[in-house]
Each structure stands twice: as structure tokens, then as C-alpha cells.
Amino acid sequence: LLHAVETEGIQGFGATYTAKLRELAELGGFLPDGR
């Protein structure tokens, strides 16, 4: 999902939202080893 957002983009979904999504994924344990 992060890769798709970063490469394909979503209108209105800029760097701040991408950072929030990455943080949510890391804190929620959705990424292996938090990365």
C-alpha cells in the first residue's frame, strides 16, 4: 500500500498523509520489523 501510494499517488494525498500512513503502518505492526 505504501509503495502504491508513493508511486501511483492519490489526489490530495501528499507527503504529510504519506508520512501519517507510514507511521500508522509502523506503529500498528503492519510492516515487518517496523520498516
Full PDB file with SEQRES, HELIX, SHEET, SSBOND, CRYST1, ORIGX, SCALE, CONECT and MASTER records, all heavy atoms in Angstrom:
SEQRES   1 A   35  LEU LEU HIS ALA VAL GLU THR GLU GLY ILE GLN GLY PHE          
SEQRES   2 A   35  GLY ALA THR TYR THR ALA LYS LEU ARG GLU LEU ALA GLU          
SEQRES   3 A   35  LEU GLY GLY PHE LEU PRO ASP GLY ARG                          
HELIX    1 AA1 LEU A    2  GLU A    8  1                                   7    
HELIX    2 AA2 ALA A   15  LEU A   27  1                                  13    
HELIX    3 AA3 PRO A   32  GLY A   34  5                                   3    
CRYST1    1.000    1.000    1.000  90.00  90.00  90.00 P 1           1          
ORIGX1      1.000000  0.000000  0.000000        0.00000                         
ORIGX2      0.000000  1.000000  0.000000        0.00000                         
ORIGX3      0.000000  0.000000  1.000000        0.00000                         
SCALE1      1.000000  0.000000  0.000000        0.00000                         
SCALE2      0.000000  1.000000  0.000000        0.00000                         
SCALE3      0.000000  0.000000  1.000000        0.00000                         
ATOM      1  N   LEU A   1       0.836  -1.199   0.000  1.00  0.00           N  
ATOM      2  CA  LEU A   1       0.000   0.000   0.000  1.00  0.00           C  
ATOM      3  C   LEU A   1       0.871   1.249   0.000  1.00  0.00           C  
ATOM      4  O   LEU A   1       0.649   2.171  -0.794  1.00  0.00           O  
ATOM      5  CB  LEU A   1      -0.934   0.006   1.211  1.00  0.00           C  
ATOM      6  CG  LEU A   1      -1.755   1.287   1.404  1.00  0.00           C  
ATOM      7  CD1 LEU A   1      -2.723   1.499   0.247  1.00  0.00           C  
ATOM      8  CD2 LEU A   1      -2.494   1.238   2.733  1.00  0.00           C  
ATOM      9  N   LEU A   2       1.854   1.299   0.876  1.00  0.00           N  
ATOM     10  CA  LEU A   2       2.753   2.454   0.918  1.00  0.00           C  
ATOM     11  C   LEU A   2       3.450   2.653  -0.417  1.00  0.00           C  
ATOM     12  O   LEU A   2       3.550   3.781  -0.912  1.00  0.00           O  
ATOM     13  CB  LEU A   2       3.793   2.278   2.024  1.00  0.00           C  
ATOM     14  CG  LEU A   2       3.338   2.666   3.414  1.00  0.00           C  
ATOM     15  CD1 LEU A   2       4.299   2.114   4.461  1.00  0.00           C  
ATOM     16  CD2 LEU A   2       3.220   4.172   3.534  1.00  0.00           C  
ATOM     17  N   HIS A   3       3.914   1.576  -0.998  1.00  0.00           N  
ATOM     18  CA  HIS A   3       4.586   1.681  -2.297  1.00  0.00           C  
ATOM     19  C   HIS A   3       3.624   2.225  -3.347  1.00  0.00           C  
ATOM     20  O   HIS A   3       3.993   3.106  -4.132  1.00  0.00           O  
ATOM     21  CB  HIS A   3       5.157   0.331  -2.724  1.00  0.00           C  
ATOM     22  CG  HIS A   3       5.847   0.401  -4.034  1.00  0.00           C  
ATOM     23  ND1 HIS A   3       7.083   0.986  -4.192  1.00  0.00           N  
ATOM     24  CD2 HIS A   3       5.460   0.003  -5.264  1.00  0.00           C  
ATOM     25  CE1 HIS A   3       7.428   0.929  -5.457  1.00  0.00           C  
ATOM     26  NE2 HIS A   3       6.468   0.335  -6.131  1.00  0.00           N  
ATOM     27  N   ALA A   4       2.399   1.721  -3.367  1.00  0.00           N  
ATOM     28  CA  ALA A   4       1.415   2.186  -4.346  1.00  0.00           C  
ATOM     29  C   ALA A   4       1.106   3.667  -4.144  1.00  0.00           C  
ATOM     30  O   ALA A   4       1.031   4.430  -5.111  1.00  0.00           O  
ATOM     31  CB  ALA A   4       0.132   1.360  -4.244  1.00  0.00           C  
ATOM     32  N   VAL A   5       0.949   4.088  -2.909  1.00  0.00           N  
ATOM     33  CA  VAL A   5       0.667   5.499  -2.622  1.00  0.00           C  
ATOM     34  C   VAL A   5       1.833   6.371  -3.082  1.00  0.00           C  
ATOM     35  O   VAL A   5       1.636   7.425  -3.684  1.00  0.00           O  
ATOM     36  CB  VAL A   5       0.379   5.707  -1.114  1.00  0.00           C  
ATOM     37  CG1 VAL A   5       0.435   7.170  -0.731  1.00  0.00           C  
ATOM     38  CG2 VAL A   5      -0.972   5.110  -0.742  1.00  0.00           C  
ATOM     39  N   GLU A   6       3.041   5.908  -2.826  1.00  0.00           N  
ATOM     40  CA  GLU A   6       4.224   6.693  -3.182  1.00  0.00           C  
ATOM     41  C   GLU A   6       4.477   6.730  -4.681  1.00  0.00           C  
ATOM     42  O   GLU A   6       4.973   7.725  -5.198  1.00  0.00           O  
ATOM     43  CB  GLU A   6       5.451   6.155  -2.446  1.00  0.00           C  
ATOM     44  CG  GLU A   6       5.386   6.408  -0.953  1.00  0.00           C  
ATOM     45  CD  GLU A   6       6.452   5.678  -0.154  1.00  0.00           C  
ATOM     46  OE1 GLU A   6       7.103   4.754  -0.703  1.00  0.00           O  
ATOM     47  OE2 GLU A   6       6.622   6.018   1.025  1.00  0.00           O  
ATOM     48  N   THR A   7       4.122   5.681  -5.396  1.00  0.00           N  
ATOM     49  CA  THR A   7       4.415   5.643  -6.831  1.00  0.00           C  
ATOM     50  C   THR A   7       3.228   6.053  -7.695  1.00  0.00           C  
ATOM     51  O   THR A   7       3.411   6.704  -8.718  1.00  0.00           O  
ATOM     52  CB  THR A   7       4.898   4.243  -7.268  1.00  0.00           C  
ATOM     53  OG1 THR A   7       3.906   3.277  -6.944  1.00  0.00           O  
ATOM     54  CG2 THR A   7       6.218   3.897  -6.610  1.00  0.00           C  
ATOM     55  N   GLU A   8       2.030   5.680  -7.297  1.00  0.00           N  
ATOM     56  CA  GLU A   8       0.845   5.994  -8.093  1.00  0.00           C  
ATOM     57  C   GLU A   8       0.176   7.279  -7.635  1.00  0.00           C  
ATOM     58  O   GLU A   8      -0.427   7.993  -8.421  1.00  0.00           O  
ATOM     59  CB  GLU A   8      -0.161   4.844  -8.022  1.00  0.00           C  
ATOM     60  CG  GLU A   8       0.376   3.546  -8.573  1.00  0.00           C  
ATOM     61  CD  GLU A   8      -0.553   2.379  -8.297  1.00  0.00           C  
ATOM     62  OE1 GLU A   8      -1.783   2.587  -8.248  1.00  0.00           O  
ATOM     63  OE2 GLU A   8      -0.041   1.271  -8.117  1.00  0.00           O  
ATOM     64  N   GLY A   9       0.247   7.515  -6.334  1.00  0.00           N  
ATOM     65  CA  GLY A   9      -0.356   8.713  -5.763  1.00  0.00           C  
ATOM     66  C   GLY A   9      -1.864   8.636  -5.654  1.00  0.00           C  
ATOM     67  O   GLY A   9      -2.521   7.823  -6.298  1.00  0.00           O  
ATOM     68  N   ILE A  10      -2.390   9.471  -4.801  1.00  0.00           N  
ATOM     69  CA  ILE A  10      -3.823   9.672  -4.633  1.00  0.00           C  
ATOM     70  C   ILE A  10      -4.008  11.180  -4.608  1.00  0.00           C  
ATOM     71  O   ILE A  10      -3.305  11.874  -3.856  1.00  0.00           O  
ATOM     72  CB  ILE A  10      -4.343   9.065  -3.315  1.00  0.00           C  
ATOM     73  CG1 ILE A  10      -4.224   7.543  -3.329  1.00  0.00           C  
ATOM     74  CG2 ILE A  10      -5.786   9.491  -3.048  1.00  0.00           C  
ATOM     75  CD1 ILE A  10      -4.605   6.887  -2.005  1.00  0.00           C  
ATOM     76  N   GLN A  11      -4.904  11.678  -5.410  1.00  0.00           N  
ATOM     77  CA  GLN A  11      -5.135  13.122  -5.438  1.00  0.00           C  
ATOM     78  C   GLN A  11      -5.453  13.624  -4.029  1.00  0.00           C  
ATOM     79  O   GLN A  11      -6.311  13.076  -3.341  1.00  0.00           O  
ATOM     80  CB  GLN A  11      -6.272  13.459  -6.388  1.00  0.00           C  
ATOM     81  CG  GLN A  11      -6.449  14.952  -6.564  1.00  0.00           C  
ATOM     82  CD  GLN A  11      -7.455  15.280  -7.643  1.00  0.00           C  
ATOM     83  OE1 GLN A  11      -7.988  14.404  -8.313  1.00  0.00           O  
ATOM     84  NE2 GLN A  11      -7.721  16.557  -7.810  1.00  0.00           N  
ATOM     85  N   GLY A  12      -4.736  14.667  -3.603  1.00  0.00           N  
ATOM     86  CA  GLY A  12      -4.943  15.224  -2.280  1.00  0.00           C  
ATOM     87  C   GLY A  12      -4.187  14.511  -1.171  1.00  0.00           C  
ATOM     88  O   GLY A  12      -4.265  14.888  -0.015  1.00  0.00           O  
ATOM     89  N   PHE A  13      -3.453  13.464  -1.516  1.00  0.00           N  
ATOM     90  CA  PHE A  13      -2.718  12.662  -0.526  1.00  0.00           C  
ATOM     91  C   PHE A  13      -1.243  12.983  -0.692  1.00  0.00           C  
ATOM     92  O   PHE A  13      -0.527  12.321  -1.432  1.00  0.00           O  
ATOM     93  CB  PHE A  13      -2.990  11.176  -0.778  1.00  0.00           C  
ATOM     94  CG  PHE A  13      -2.715  10.282   0.401  1.00  0.00           C  
ATOM     95  CD1 PHE A  13      -3.728   9.986   1.293  1.00  0.00           C  
ATOM     96  CD2 PHE A  13      -1.472   9.733   0.616  1.00  0.00           C  
ATOM     97  CE1 PHE A  13      -3.501   9.150   2.378  1.00  0.00           C  
ATOM     98  CE2 PHE A  13      -1.232   8.897   1.690  1.00  0.00           C  
ATOM     99  CZ  PHE A  13      -2.252   8.614   2.574  1.00  0.00           C  
ATOM    100  N   GLY A  14      -0.787  14.010  -0.001  1.00  0.00           N  
ATOM    101  CA  GLY A  14       0.583  14.469  -0.150  1.00  0.00           C  
ATOM    102  C   GLY A  14       1.538  13.825   0.835  1.00  0.00           C  
ATOM    103  O   GLY A  14       1.248  12.802   1.456  1.00  0.00           O  
ATOM    104  N   ALA A  15       2.667  14.479   0.983  1.00  0.00           N  
ATOM    105  CA  ALA A  15       3.741  13.949   1.823  1.00  0.00           C  
ATOM    106  C   ALA A  15       3.317  13.808   3.285  1.00  0.00           C  
ATOM    107  O   ALA A  15       3.718  12.853   3.965  1.00  0.00           O  
ATOM    108  CB  ALA A  15       4.971  14.841   1.707  1.00  0.00           C  
ATOM    109  N   THR A  16       2.504  14.734   3.770  1.00  0.00           N  
ATOM    110  CA  THR A  16       2.079  14.665   5.175  1.00  0.00           C  
ATOM    111  C   THR A  16       1.212  13.434   5.413  1.00  0.00           C  
ATOM    112  O   THR A  16       1.418  12.701   6.388  1.00  0.00           O  
ATOM    113  CB  THR A  16       1.292  15.937   5.563  1.00  0.00           C  
ATOM    114  OG1 THR A  16       2.139  17.069   5.361  1.00  0.00           O  
ATOM    115  CG2 THR A  16       0.852  15.896   7.005  1.00  0.00           C  
ATOM    116  N   TYR A  17       0.250  13.178   4.534  1.00  0.00           N  
ATOM    117  CA  TYR A  17      -0.605  11.992   4.672  1.00  0.00           C  
ATOM    118  C   TYR A  17       0.213  10.715   4.492  1.00  0.00           C  
ATOM    119  O   TYR A  17      -0.019   9.721   5.179  1.00  0.00           O  
ATOM    120  CB  TYR A  17      -1.750  12.013   3.668  1.00  0.00           C  
ATOM    121  CG  TYR A  17      -2.881  12.943   4.012  1.00  0.00           C  
ATOM    122  CD1 TYR A  17      -3.775  13.354   3.029  1.00  0.00           C  
ATOM    123  CD2 TYR A  17      -3.089  13.409   5.305  1.00  0.00           C  
ATOM    124  CE1 TYR A  17      -4.834  14.207   3.323  1.00  0.00           C  
ATOM    125  CE2 TYR A  17      -4.132  14.256   5.609  1.00  0.00           C  
ATOM    126  CZ  TYR A  17      -5.007  14.648   4.615  1.00  0.00           C  
ATOM    127  OH  TYR A  17      -6.049  15.483   4.905  1.00  0.00           O  
ATOM    128  N   THR A  18       1.170  10.738   3.560  1.00  0.00           N  
ATOM    129  CA  THR A  18       2.006   9.556   3.350  1.00  0.00           C  
ATOM    130  C   THR A  18       2.806   9.253   4.613  1.00  0.00           C  
ATOM    131  O   THR A  18       2.925   8.093   5.019  1.00  0.00           O  
ATOM    132  CB  THR A  18       2.939   9.755   2.143  1.00  0.00           C  
ATOM    133  OG1 THR A  18       2.135  10.007   0.979  1.00  0.00           O  
ATOM    134  CG2 THR A  18       3.804   8.530   1.888  1.00  0.00           C  
ATOM    135  N   ALA A  19       3.330  10.285   5.246  1.00  0.00           N  
ATOM    136  CA  ALA A  19       4.078  10.091   6.496  1.00  0.00           C  
ATOM    137  C   ALA A  19       3.162   9.545   7.597  1.00  0.00           C  
ATOM    138  O   ALA A  19       3.565   8.667   8.368  1.00  0.00           O  
ATOM    139  CB  ALA A  19       4.717  11.410   6.938  1.00  0.00           C  
ATOM    140  N   LYS A  20       1.921  10.040   7.650  1.00  0.00           N  
ATOM    141  CA  LYS A  20       0.962   9.529   8.638  1.00  0.00           C  
ATOM    142  C   LYS A  20       0.634   8.067   8.366  1.00  0.00           C  
ATOM    143  O   LYS A  20       0.505   7.259   9.282  1.00  0.00           O  
ATOM    144  CB  LYS A  20      -0.312  10.366   8.632  1.00  0.00           C  
ATOM    145  CG  LYS A  20      -0.138  11.722   9.267  1.00  0.00           C  
ATOM    146  CD  LYS A  20      -1.443  12.494   9.265  1.00  0.00           C  
ATOM    147  CE  LYS A  20      -1.253  13.853   9.904  1.00  0.00           C  
ATOM    148  NZ  LYS A  20      -2.497  14.592  10.028  1.00  0.00           N  
ATOM    149  N   LEU A  21       0.496   7.720   7.093  1.00  0.00           N  
ATOM    150  CA  LEU A  21       0.216   6.330   6.730  1.00  0.00           C  
ATOM    151  C   LEU A  21       1.384   5.432   7.119  1.00  0.00           C  
ATOM    152  O   LEU A  21       1.190   4.356   7.686  1.00  0.00           O  
ATOM    153  CB  LEU A  21      -0.073   6.215   5.231  1.00  0.00           C  
ATOM    154  CG  LEU A  21      -0.314   4.813   4.703  1.00  0.00           C  
ATOM    155  CD1 LEU A  21      -1.524   4.161   5.372  1.00  0.00           C  
ATOM    156  CD2 LEU A  21      -0.492   4.846   3.183  1.00  0.00           C  
ATOM    157  N   ARG A  22       2.595   5.875   6.843  1.00  0.00           N  
ATOM    158  CA  ARG A  22       3.783   5.082   7.204  1.00  0.00           C  
ATOM    159  C   ARG A  22       3.854   4.903   8.721  1.00  0.00           C  
ATOM    160  O   ARG A  22       4.111   3.813   9.218  1.00  0.00           O  
ATOM    161  CB  ARG A  22       5.059   5.747   6.685  1.00  0.00           C  
ATOM    162  CG  ARG A  22       6.318   4.952   7.027  1.00  0.00           C  
ATOM    163  CD  ARG A  22       7.543   5.505   6.338  1.00  0.00           C  
ATOM    164  NE  ARG A  22       7.442   5.435   4.904  1.00  0.00           N  
ATOM    165  CZ  ARG A  22       7.647   4.334   4.173  1.00  0.00           C  
ATOM    166  NH1 ARG A  22       7.962   3.204   4.779  1.00  0.00           N  
ATOM    167  NH2 ARG A  22       7.534   4.357   2.866  1.00  0.00           N  
ATOM    168  N   GLU A  23       3.599   5.972   9.459  1.00  0.00           N  
ATOM    169  CA  GLU A  23       3.628   5.893  10.919  1.00  0.00           C  
ATOM    170  C   GLU A  23       2.559   4.928  11.433  1.00  0.00           C  
ATOM    171  O   GLU A  23       2.819   4.108  12.313  1.00  0.00           O  
ATOM    172  CB  GLU A  23       3.418   7.282  11.521  1.00  0.00           C  
ATOM    173  CG  GLU A  23       3.456   7.283  13.032  1.00  0.00           C  
ATOM    174  CD  GLU A  23       3.255   8.670  13.628  1.00  0.00           C  
ATOM    175  OE1 GLU A  23       2.806   9.591  12.917  1.00  0.00           O  
ATOM    176  OE2 GLU A  23       3.530   8.810  14.825  1.00  0.00           O  
ATOM    177  N   LEU A  24       1.355   5.018  10.871  1.00  0.00           N  
ATOM    178  CA  LEU A  24       0.273   4.108  11.252  1.00  0.00           C  
ATOM    179  C   LEU A  24       0.674   2.658  10.986  1.00  0.00           C  
ATOM    180  O   LEU A  24       0.468   1.782  11.820  1.00  0.00           O  
ATOM    181  CB  LEU A  24      -1.004   4.461  10.482  1.00  0.00           C  
ATOM    182  CG  LEU A  24      -2.201   3.559  10.685  1.00  0.00           C  
ATOM    183  CD1 LEU A  24      -2.763   3.715  12.092  1.00  0.00           C  
ATOM    184  CD2 LEU A  24      -3.285   3.884   9.662  1.00  0.00           C  
ATOM    185  N   ALA A  25       1.277   2.411   9.832  1.00  0.00           N  
ATOM    186  CA  ALA A  25       1.698   1.055   9.474  1.00  0.00           C  
ATOM    187  C   ALA A  25       2.798   0.550  10.404  1.00  0.00           C  
ATOM    188  O   ALA A  25       2.782  -0.606  10.834  1.00  0.00           O  
ATOM    189  CB  ALA A  25       2.165   1.024   8.025  1.00  0.00           C  
ATOM    190  N   GLU A  26       3.735   1.424  10.725  1.00  0.00           N  
ATOM    191  CA  GLU A  26       4.833   1.016  11.603  1.00  0.00           C  
ATOM    192  C   GLU A  26       4.348   0.775  13.031  1.00  0.00           C  
ATOM    193  O   GLU A  26       4.642  -0.257  13.633  1.00  0.00           O  
ATOM    194  CB  GLU A  26       5.933   2.076  11.595  1.00  0.00           C  
ATOM    195  CG  GLU A  26       6.710   2.104  10.299  1.00  0.00           C  
ATOM    196  CD  GLU A  26       7.707   3.252  10.214  1.00  0.00           C  
ATOM    197  OE1 GLU A  26       7.714   4.130  11.109  1.00  0.00           O  
ATOM    198  OE2 GLU A  26       8.469   3.269   9.241  1.00  0.00           O  
ATOM    199  N   LEU A  27       3.598   1.735  13.574  1.00  0.00           N  
ATOM    200  CA  LEU A  27       3.124   1.607  14.957  1.00  0.00           C  
ATOM    201  C   LEU A  27       2.122   0.470  15.124  1.00  0.00           C  
ATOM    202  O   LEU A  27       2.045  -0.145  16.180  1.00  0.00           O  
ATOM    203  CB  LEU A  27       2.513   2.922  15.434  1.00  0.00           C  
ATOM    204  CG  LEU A  27       3.483   4.092  15.571  1.00  0.00           C  
ATOM    205  CD1 LEU A  27       2.746   5.353  15.962  1.00  0.00           C  
ATOM    206  CD2 LEU A  27       4.589   3.777  16.561  1.00  0.00           C  
ATOM    207  N   GLY A  28       1.356   0.209  14.069  1.00  0.00           N  
ATOM    208  CA  GLY A  28       0.375  -0.864  14.129  1.00  0.00           C  
ATOM    209  C   GLY A  28       0.965  -2.245  13.902  1.00  0.00           C  
ATOM    210  O   GLY A  28       0.257  -3.254  13.961  1.00  0.00           O  
ATOM    211  N   GLY A  29       2.254  -2.291  13.613  1.00  0.00           N  
ATOM    212  CA  GLY A  29       2.906  -3.576  13.382  1.00  0.00           C  
ATOM    213  C   GLY A  29       2.581  -4.199  12.040  1.00  0.00           C  
ATOM    214  O   GLY A  29       2.699  -5.408  11.861  1.00  0.00           O  
ATOM    215  N   PHE A  30       2.172  -3.369  11.081  1.00  0.00           N  
ATOM    216  CA  PHE A  30       1.807  -3.885   9.770  1.00  0.00           C  
ATOM    217  C   PHE A  30       2.996  -4.014   8.827  1.00  0.00           C  
ATOM    218  O   PHE A  30       2.865  -4.568   7.741  1.00  0.00           O  
ATOM    219  CB  PHE A  30       0.742  -2.988   9.118  1.00  0.00           C  
ATOM    220  CG  PHE A  30      -0.545  -2.966   9.884  1.00  0.00           C  
ATOM    221  CD1 PHE A  30      -0.938  -1.831  10.578  1.00  0.00           C  
ATOM    222  CD2 PHE A  30      -1.366  -4.083   9.923  1.00  0.00           C  
ATOM    223  CE1 PHE A  30      -2.119  -1.808  11.290  1.00  0.00           C  
ATOM    224  CE2 PHE A  30      -2.551  -4.069  10.634  1.00  0.00           C  
ATOM    225  CZ  PHE A  30      -2.922  -2.925  11.323  1.00  0.00           C  
ATOM    226  N   LEU A  31       4.142  -3.486   9.231  1.00  0.00           N  
ATOM    227  CA  LEU A  31       5.353  -3.614   8.429  1.00  0.00           C  
ATOM    228  C   LEU A  31       6.308  -4.552   9.147  1.00  0.00           C  
ATOM    229  O   LEU A  31       6.440  -4.492  10.368  1.00  0.00           O  
ATOM    230  CB  LEU A  31       6.030  -2.245   8.241  1.00  0.00           C  
ATOM    231  CG  LEU A  31       5.236  -1.213   7.464  1.00  0.00           C  
ATOM    232  CD1 LEU A  31       5.995   0.116   7.430  1.00  0.00           C  
ATOM    233  CD2 LEU A  31       4.949  -1.687   6.059  1.00  0.00           C  
ATOM    234  N   PRO A  32       6.994  -5.405   8.409  1.00  0.00           N  
ATOM    235  CA  PRO A  32       7.936  -6.313   9.057  1.00  0.00           C  
ATOM    236  C   PRO A  32       9.038  -5.514   9.758  1.00  0.00           C  
ATOM    237  O   PRO A  32       9.616  -4.604   9.168  1.00  0.00           O  
ATOM    238  CB  PRO A  32       8.495  -7.159   7.922  1.00  0.00           C  
ATOM    239  CG  PRO A  32       8.050  -6.530   6.665  1.00  0.00           C  
ATOM    240  CD  PRO A  32       6.966  -5.555   6.978  1.00  0.00           C  
ATOM    241  N   ASP A  33       9.276  -5.818  10.996  1.00  0.00           N  
ATOM    242  CA  ASP A  33      10.312  -5.158  11.791  1.00  0.00           C  
ATOM    243  C   ASP A  33      10.152  -3.640  11.808  1.00  0.00           C  
ATOM    244  O   ASP A  33      11.122  -2.917  11.962  1.00  0.00           O  
ATOM    245  CB  ASP A  33      11.708  -5.504  11.281  1.00  0.00           C  
ATOM    246  CG  ASP A  33      11.973  -6.992  11.341  1.00  0.00           C  
ATOM    247  OD1 ASP A  33      11.510  -7.647  12.295  1.00  0.00           O  
ATOM    248  OD2 ASP A  33      12.633  -7.495  10.439  1.00  0.00           O  
ATOM    249  N   GLY A  34       8.935  -3.148  11.574  1.00  0.00           N  
ATOM    250  CA  GLY A  34       8.700  -1.717  11.624  1.00  0.00           C  
ATOM    251  C   GLY A  34       9.316  -0.930  10.496  1.00  0.00           C  
ATOM    252  O   GLY A  34       9.471   0.271  10.572  1.00  0.00           O  
ATOM    253  N   ARG A  35       9.690  -1.601   9.391  1.00  0.00           N  
ATOM    254  CA  ARG A  35      10.280  -0.879   8.263  1.00  0.00           C  
ATOM    255  C   ARG A  35       9.702  -1.407   6.960  1.00  0.00           C  
ATOM    256  O   ARG A  35       9.153  -2.500   6.902  1.00  0.00           O  
ATOM    257  CB  ARG A  35      11.795  -0.998   8.280  1.00  0.00           C  
ATOM    258  CG  ARG A  35      12.292  -2.406   8.259  1.00  0.00           C  
ATOM    259  CD  ARG A  35      13.816  -2.459   8.451  1.00  0.00           C  
ATOM    260  NE  ARG A  35      14.190  -3.771   8.901  1.00  0.00           N  
ATOM    261  CZ  ARG A  35      14.211  -4.865   8.144  1.00  0.00           C  
ATOM    262  NH1 ARG A  35      13.888  -4.791   6.883  1.00  0.00           N  
ATOM    263  NH2 ARG A  35      14.548  -6.029   8.639  1.00  0.00           N  
TER     264      ARG A  35                                                      
MASTER        0    0    0    3    0    0    0    6  263    1    0    3          
END                                                                             
